[in-house]
Amino acid sequence: MVVVLCNCPPEEASPLARSLVESGLAACVNIVPGVTSVYLWKGELCEDGESTLLIKTTTDRVEELSDRIRALHSYEVPEILVLGVDVSLSDRRYVDWVKLSTRRA
C-alpha cells in the first residue's frame, strides 16, 4: 500500500479524484483545499493556490494511476510523489479494504 501526493488546481481536484476512484486505481482520495504552493518554474518564482490530493492505492496500481494523473492533469509536470506505508503498523482492515478496492477485475 502507498499514499500518492498530487497537487492540482482546485477546479481539477474533484474530477481527478473521482476518476481515480471510479476506475479502481485508488481506494480513496482525500482533497485538502486551500494549499498555497511557492516554487520555481522555468526560472520564475510562482505562488499558486492548489488542492492537495492524498491518494491511497496499492503498489501494483501506481504506474497506471500515474498515467491517469498525467492524462487528466493540466500541469506540464504534475506532482506525483509515492510514499510507502508501513502496513505492519497500519490498521489491517483498512489495508485490506484498499487492496480490495483497487483489485483488478
N, C-alpha and C. Protein backbone atom coordinates (compact mmCIF):
# COMPACT_ATOMS: atom_id res chain seq x y z
N MET A 1 0.85 -1.18 0.00
CA MET A 1 0.00 0.00 0.00
C MET A 1 0.88 1.23 0.00
N VAL A 2 0.43 2.26 -0.72
CA VAL A 2 1.15 3.53 -0.78
C VAL A 2 0.15 4.68 -0.71
N VAL A 3 0.69 5.86 -0.40
CA VAL A 3 -0.06 7.10 -0.50
C VAL A 3 0.64 7.94 -1.55
N VAL A 4 -0.12 8.43 -2.51
CA VAL A 4 0.43 9.28 -3.56
C VAL A 4 -0.04 10.70 -3.30
N LEU A 5 0.92 11.63 -3.29
CA LEU A 5 0.60 13.05 -3.13
C LEU A 5 0.56 13.69 -4.51
N CYS A 6 -0.43 14.51 -4.74
CA CYS A 6 -0.55 15.22 -6.01
C CYS A 6 -1.25 16.54 -5.75
N ASN A 7 -0.59 17.65 -6.09
CA ASN A 7 -1.24 18.95 -6.02
C ASN A 7 -1.81 19.30 -7.38
N CYS A 8 -2.93 20.01 -7.38
CA CYS A 8 -3.55 20.39 -8.64
C CYS A 8 -4.36 21.67 -8.42
N PRO A 9 -4.75 22.34 -9.51
CA PRO A 9 -5.64 23.48 -9.38
C PRO A 9 -6.95 23.04 -8.71
N PRO A 10 -7.52 23.89 -7.87
CA PRO A 10 -8.73 23.50 -7.13
C PRO A 10 -9.86 22.96 -8.00
N GLU A 11 -10.04 23.51 -9.18
CA GLU A 11 -11.15 23.08 -10.04
C GLU A 11 -10.91 21.69 -10.64
N GLU A 12 -9.69 21.20 -10.60
CA GLU A 12 -9.38 19.87 -11.12
C GLU A 12 -9.46 18.78 -10.05
N ALA A 13 -9.47 19.17 -8.79
CA ALA A 13 -9.33 18.21 -7.70
C ALA A 13 -10.43 17.15 -7.69
N SER A 14 -11.68 17.56 -7.67
CA SER A 14 -12.78 16.61 -7.58
C SER A 14 -12.89 15.72 -8.82
N PRO A 15 -12.83 16.28 -10.03
CA PRO A 15 -12.90 15.39 -11.21
C PRO A 15 -11.75 14.38 -11.26
N LEU A 16 -10.55 14.80 -10.88
CA LEU A 16 -9.41 13.90 -10.88
C LEU A 16 -9.59 12.81 -9.83
N ALA A 17 -9.99 13.19 -8.62
CA ALA A 17 -10.21 12.23 -7.54
C ALA A 17 -11.29 11.22 -7.93
N ARG A 18 -12.38 11.70 -8.47
CA ARG A 18 -13.48 10.81 -8.86
C ARG A 18 -13.04 9.82 -9.94
N SER A 19 -12.27 10.28 -10.90
CA SER A 19 -11.79 9.42 -11.96
C SER A 19 -10.91 8.30 -11.40
N LEU A 20 -10.04 8.64 -10.47
CA LEU A 20 -9.13 7.65 -9.89
C LEU A 20 -9.89 6.59 -9.09
N VAL A 21 -10.90 7.02 -8.33
CA VAL A 21 -11.67 6.08 -7.52
C VAL A 21 -12.62 5.26 -8.39
N GLU A 22 -13.32 5.91 -9.30
CA GLU A 22 -14.29 5.19 -10.15
C GLU A 22 -13.62 4.13 -11.02
N SER A 23 -12.38 4.36 -11.40
CA SER A 23 -11.65 3.41 -12.24
C SER A 23 -10.97 2.31 -11.43
N GLY A 24 -11.03 2.40 -10.10
CA GLY A 24 -10.39 1.40 -9.26
C GLY A 24 -8.89 1.58 -9.10
N LEU A 25 -8.38 2.71 -9.57
CA LEU A 25 -6.95 2.98 -9.41
C LEU A 25 -6.62 3.46 -8.01
N ALA A 26 -7.60 3.97 -7.31
CA ALA A 26 -7.43 4.43 -5.93
C ALA A 26 -8.62 3.95 -5.11
N ALA A 27 -8.35 3.62 -3.85
CA ALA A 27 -9.44 3.24 -2.96
C ALA A 27 -10.13 4.48 -2.40
N CYS A 28 -9.33 5.51 -2.17
CA CYS A 28 -9.84 6.74 -1.55
C CYS A 28 -8.92 7.88 -1.92
N VAL A 29 -9.49 9.04 -2.13
CA VAL A 29 -8.70 10.26 -2.36
C VAL A 29 -9.25 11.34 -1.44
N ASN A 30 -8.39 11.85 -0.58
CA ASN A 30 -8.75 12.99 0.25
C ASN A 30 -8.33 14.26 -0.48
N ILE A 31 -9.23 15.23 -0.53
CA ILE A 31 -8.93 16.52 -1.15
C ILE A 31 -8.74 17.54 -0.03
N VAL A 32 -7.53 18.08 0.03
CA VAL A 32 -7.21 19.10 1.04
C VAL A 32 -7.18 20.45 0.31
N PRO A 33 -8.22 21.27 0.50
CA PRO A 33 -8.28 22.54 -0.23
C PRO A 33 -7.44 23.62 0.45
N GLY A 34 -7.23 24.70 -0.27
CA GLY A 34 -6.63 25.89 0.32
C GLY A 34 -5.14 25.82 0.54
N VAL A 35 -4.42 25.02 -0.25
CA VAL A 35 -2.97 24.93 -0.14
C VAL A 35 -2.35 26.02 -0.99
N THR A 36 -1.32 26.67 -0.48
CA THR A 36 -0.55 27.63 -1.26
C THR A 36 0.81 27.03 -1.55
N SER A 37 1.17 26.95 -2.81
CA SER A 37 2.46 26.40 -3.21
C SER A 37 3.34 27.51 -3.75
N VAL A 38 4.57 27.56 -3.27
CA VAL A 38 5.57 28.51 -3.74
C VAL A 38 6.70 27.68 -4.35
N TYR A 39 7.06 27.98 -5.59
CA TYR A 39 8.03 27.15 -6.30
C TYR A 39 8.66 27.94 -7.45
N LEU A 40 9.78 27.44 -7.92
CA LEU A 40 10.42 27.99 -9.11
C LEU A 40 10.00 27.15 -10.31
N TRP A 41 9.56 27.80 -11.37
CA TRP A 41 9.21 27.11 -12.59
C TRP A 41 9.76 27.89 -13.77
N LYS A 42 10.66 27.26 -14.51
CA LYS A 42 11.30 27.86 -15.68
C LYS A 42 11.92 29.21 -15.32
N GLY A 43 12.58 29.24 -14.15
CA GLY A 43 13.31 30.43 -13.71
C GLY A 43 12.46 31.51 -13.08
N GLU A 44 11.18 31.26 -12.93
CA GLU A 44 10.27 32.27 -12.38
C GLU A 44 9.72 31.79 -11.03
N LEU A 45 9.70 32.70 -10.06
CA LEU A 45 9.12 32.39 -8.76
C LEU A 45 7.60 32.47 -8.88
N CYS A 46 6.93 31.39 -8.52
CA CYS A 46 5.48 31.29 -8.64
C CYS A 46 4.86 31.04 -7.28
N GLU A 47 3.65 31.50 -7.11
CA GLU A 47 2.85 31.24 -5.91
C GLU A 47 1.41 31.04 -6.35
N ASP A 48 0.90 29.83 -6.11
CA ASP A 48 -0.43 29.48 -6.60
C ASP A 48 -1.26 28.78 -5.54
N GLY A 49 -2.56 28.99 -5.60
CA GLY A 49 -3.49 28.25 -4.78
C GLY A 49 -3.74 26.88 -5.40
N GLU A 50 -3.69 25.84 -4.60
CA GLU A 50 -3.89 24.49 -5.10
C GLU A 50 -4.70 23.68 -4.10
N SER A 51 -5.06 22.49 -4.51
CA SER A 51 -5.61 21.47 -3.61
C SER A 51 -4.63 20.31 -3.61
N THR A 52 -4.46 19.70 -2.45
CA THR A 52 -3.60 18.53 -2.34
C THR A 52 -4.46 17.28 -2.32
N LEU A 53 -4.11 16.32 -3.15
CA LEU A 53 -4.79 15.03 -3.17
C LEU A 53 -3.93 14.02 -2.42
N LEU A 54 -4.53 13.34 -1.46
CA LEU A 54 -3.90 12.23 -0.74
C LEU A 54 -4.56 10.97 -1.27
N ILE A 55 -3.85 10.25 -2.10
CA ILE A 55 -4.41 9.13 -2.86
C ILE A 55 -3.92 7.82 -2.25
N LYS A 56 -4.85 6.97 -1.82
CA LYS A 56 -4.50 5.66 -1.27
C LYS A 56 -4.70 4.59 -2.32
N THR A 57 -3.62 3.84 -2.56
CA THR A 57 -3.67 2.78 -3.57
C THR A 57 -2.66 1.70 -3.22
N THR A 58 -2.54 0.73 -4.11
CA THR A 58 -1.55 -0.33 -3.92
C THR A 58 -0.38 -0.11 -4.87
N THR A 59 0.74 -0.69 -4.52
CA THR A 59 1.96 -0.51 -5.31
C THR A 59 1.76 -0.93 -6.76
N ASP A 60 1.03 -2.01 -6.97
CA ASP A 60 0.85 -2.50 -8.34
C ASP A 60 -0.05 -1.62 -9.20
N ARG A 61 -0.73 -0.64 -8.61
CA ARG A 61 -1.58 0.28 -9.39
C ARG A 61 -0.93 1.63 -9.64
N VAL A 62 0.28 1.84 -9.08
CA VAL A 62 0.91 3.17 -9.15
C VAL A 62 1.20 3.60 -10.58
N GLU A 63 1.72 2.72 -11.40
CA GLU A 63 2.07 3.12 -12.77
C GLU A 63 0.84 3.56 -13.56
N GLU A 64 -0.22 2.78 -13.50
CA GLU A 64 -1.44 3.13 -14.21
C GLU A 64 -2.08 4.39 -13.62
N LEU A 65 -2.06 4.51 -12.30
CA LEU A 65 -2.58 5.70 -11.62
C LEU A 65 -1.80 6.93 -12.07
N SER A 66 -0.48 6.82 -12.11
CA SER A 66 0.36 7.94 -12.55
C SER A 66 0.06 8.34 -13.98
N ASP A 67 -0.14 7.35 -14.85
CA ASP A 67 -0.50 7.63 -16.24
C ASP A 67 -1.83 8.39 -16.32
N ARG A 68 -2.80 7.98 -15.49
CA ARG A 68 -4.11 8.65 -15.49
C ARG A 68 -3.96 10.10 -15.01
N ILE A 69 -3.18 10.31 -13.96
CA ILE A 69 -2.96 11.68 -13.47
C ILE A 69 -2.35 12.53 -14.58
N ARG A 70 -1.32 12.02 -15.25
CA ARG A 70 -0.67 12.79 -16.32
C ARG A 70 -1.66 13.11 -17.45
N ALA A 71 -2.55 12.18 -17.75
CA ALA A 71 -3.52 12.39 -18.84
C ALA A 71 -4.56 13.44 -18.49
N LEU A 72 -4.95 13.53 -17.22
CA LEU A 72 -6.03 14.43 -16.82
C LEU A 72 -5.55 15.76 -16.24
N HIS A 73 -4.33 15.83 -15.80
CA HIS A 73 -3.78 16.99 -15.10
C HIS A 73 -3.39 18.08 -16.09
N SER A 74 -3.59 19.33 -15.73
CA SER A 74 -3.27 20.44 -16.63
C SER A 74 -1.80 20.85 -16.58
N TYR A 75 -1.06 20.43 -15.57
CA TYR A 75 0.34 20.83 -15.45
C TYR A 75 1.22 20.05 -16.42
N GLU A 76 2.23 20.71 -16.92
CA GLU A 76 3.21 20.06 -17.78
C GLU A 76 3.93 18.94 -17.03
N VAL A 77 4.22 19.20 -15.75
CA VAL A 77 4.87 18.20 -14.89
C VAL A 77 4.07 18.12 -13.58
N PRO A 78 3.07 17.25 -13.52
CA PRO A 78 2.29 17.15 -12.28
C PRO A 78 3.10 16.50 -11.16
N GLU A 79 2.81 16.91 -9.95
CA GLU A 79 3.43 16.31 -8.78
C GLU A 79 2.85 14.91 -8.57
N ILE A 80 3.71 13.92 -8.58
CA ILE A 80 3.31 12.55 -8.27
C ILE A 80 4.40 12.00 -7.35
N LEU A 81 4.13 12.04 -6.05
CA LEU A 81 5.08 11.56 -5.05
C LEU A 81 4.49 10.33 -4.38
N VAL A 82 5.20 9.23 -4.44
CA VAL A 82 4.71 7.97 -3.89
C VAL A 82 5.40 7.72 -2.55
N LEU A 83 4.58 7.64 -1.50
CA LEU A 83 5.07 7.43 -0.14
C LEU A 83 4.67 6.05 0.33
N GLY A 84 5.64 5.29 0.78
CA GLY A 84 5.37 3.96 1.29
C GLY A 84 4.61 4.01 2.61
N VAL A 85 3.84 2.97 2.87
CA VAL A 85 3.06 2.85 4.10
C VAL A 85 3.55 1.61 4.84
N ASP A 86 3.81 1.74 6.11
CA ASP A 86 4.19 0.58 6.93
C ASP A 86 2.90 -0.17 7.27
N VAL A 87 2.58 -1.17 6.47
CA VAL A 87 1.32 -1.88 6.67
C VAL A 87 1.33 -2.69 7.97
N SER A 88 2.51 -3.02 8.48
CA SER A 88 2.57 -3.77 9.74
C SER A 88 2.11 -2.93 10.91
N LEU A 89 2.18 -1.60 10.77
CA LEU A 89 1.73 -0.70 11.83
C LEU A 89 0.37 -0.07 11.54
N SER A 90 -0.14 -0.31 10.35
CA SER A 90 -1.41 0.28 9.94
C SER A 90 -2.57 -0.65 10.30
N ASP A 91 -3.76 -0.10 10.33
CA ASP A 91 -4.96 -0.90 10.60
C ASP A 91 -5.14 -1.93 9.49
N ARG A 92 -5.09 -3.18 9.83
CA ARG A 92 -5.17 -4.28 8.87
C ARG A 92 -6.46 -4.22 8.06
N ARG A 93 -7.58 -3.86 8.70
CA ARG A 93 -8.85 -3.80 7.98
C ARG A 93 -8.83 -2.73 6.90
N TYR A 94 -8.19 -1.60 7.21
CA TYR A 94 -8.10 -0.52 6.22
C TYR A 94 -7.21 -0.94 5.06
N VAL A 95 -6.07 -1.54 5.37
CA VAL A 95 -5.15 -2.01 4.33
C VAL A 95 -5.84 -3.03 3.44
N ASP A 96 -6.58 -3.95 4.04
CA ASP A 96 -7.32 -4.95 3.26
C ASP A 96 -8.37 -4.29 2.37
N TRP A 97 -9.05 -3.27 2.89
CA TRP A 97 -10.05 -2.56 2.11
C TRP A 97 -9.41 -1.87 0.91
N VAL A 98 -8.25 -1.25 1.09
CA VAL A 98 -7.55 -0.60 -0.02
C VAL A 98 -7.21 -1.64 -1.09
N LYS A 99 -6.70 -2.78 -0.66
CA LYS A 99 -6.37 -3.85 -1.61
C LYS A 99 -7.61 -4.32 -2.37
N LEU A 100 -8.70 -4.53 -1.66
CA LEU A 100 -9.94 -4.97 -2.29
C LEU A 100 -10.49 -3.93 -3.27
N SER A 101 -10.42 -2.66 -2.88
CA SER A 101 -10.98 -1.58 -3.69
C SER A 101 -10.19 -1.30 -4.97
N THR A 102 -8.92 -1.69 -4.98
CA THR A 102 -8.08 -1.41 -6.14
C THR A 102 -7.72 -2.68 -6.91
N ARG A 103 -8.37 -3.77 -6.59
CA ARG A 103 -8.11 -5.05 -7.24
C ARG A 103 -8.53 -4.97 -8.70
N ARG A 104 -7.70 -5.50 -9.56
CA ARG A 104 -8.03 -5.55 -10.99
C ARG A 104 -9.15 -6.55 -11.21
N ALA A 105 -10.02 -6.21 -12.13
CA ALA A 105 -11.16 -7.10 -12.44
C ALA A 105 -10.73 -8.32 -13.21
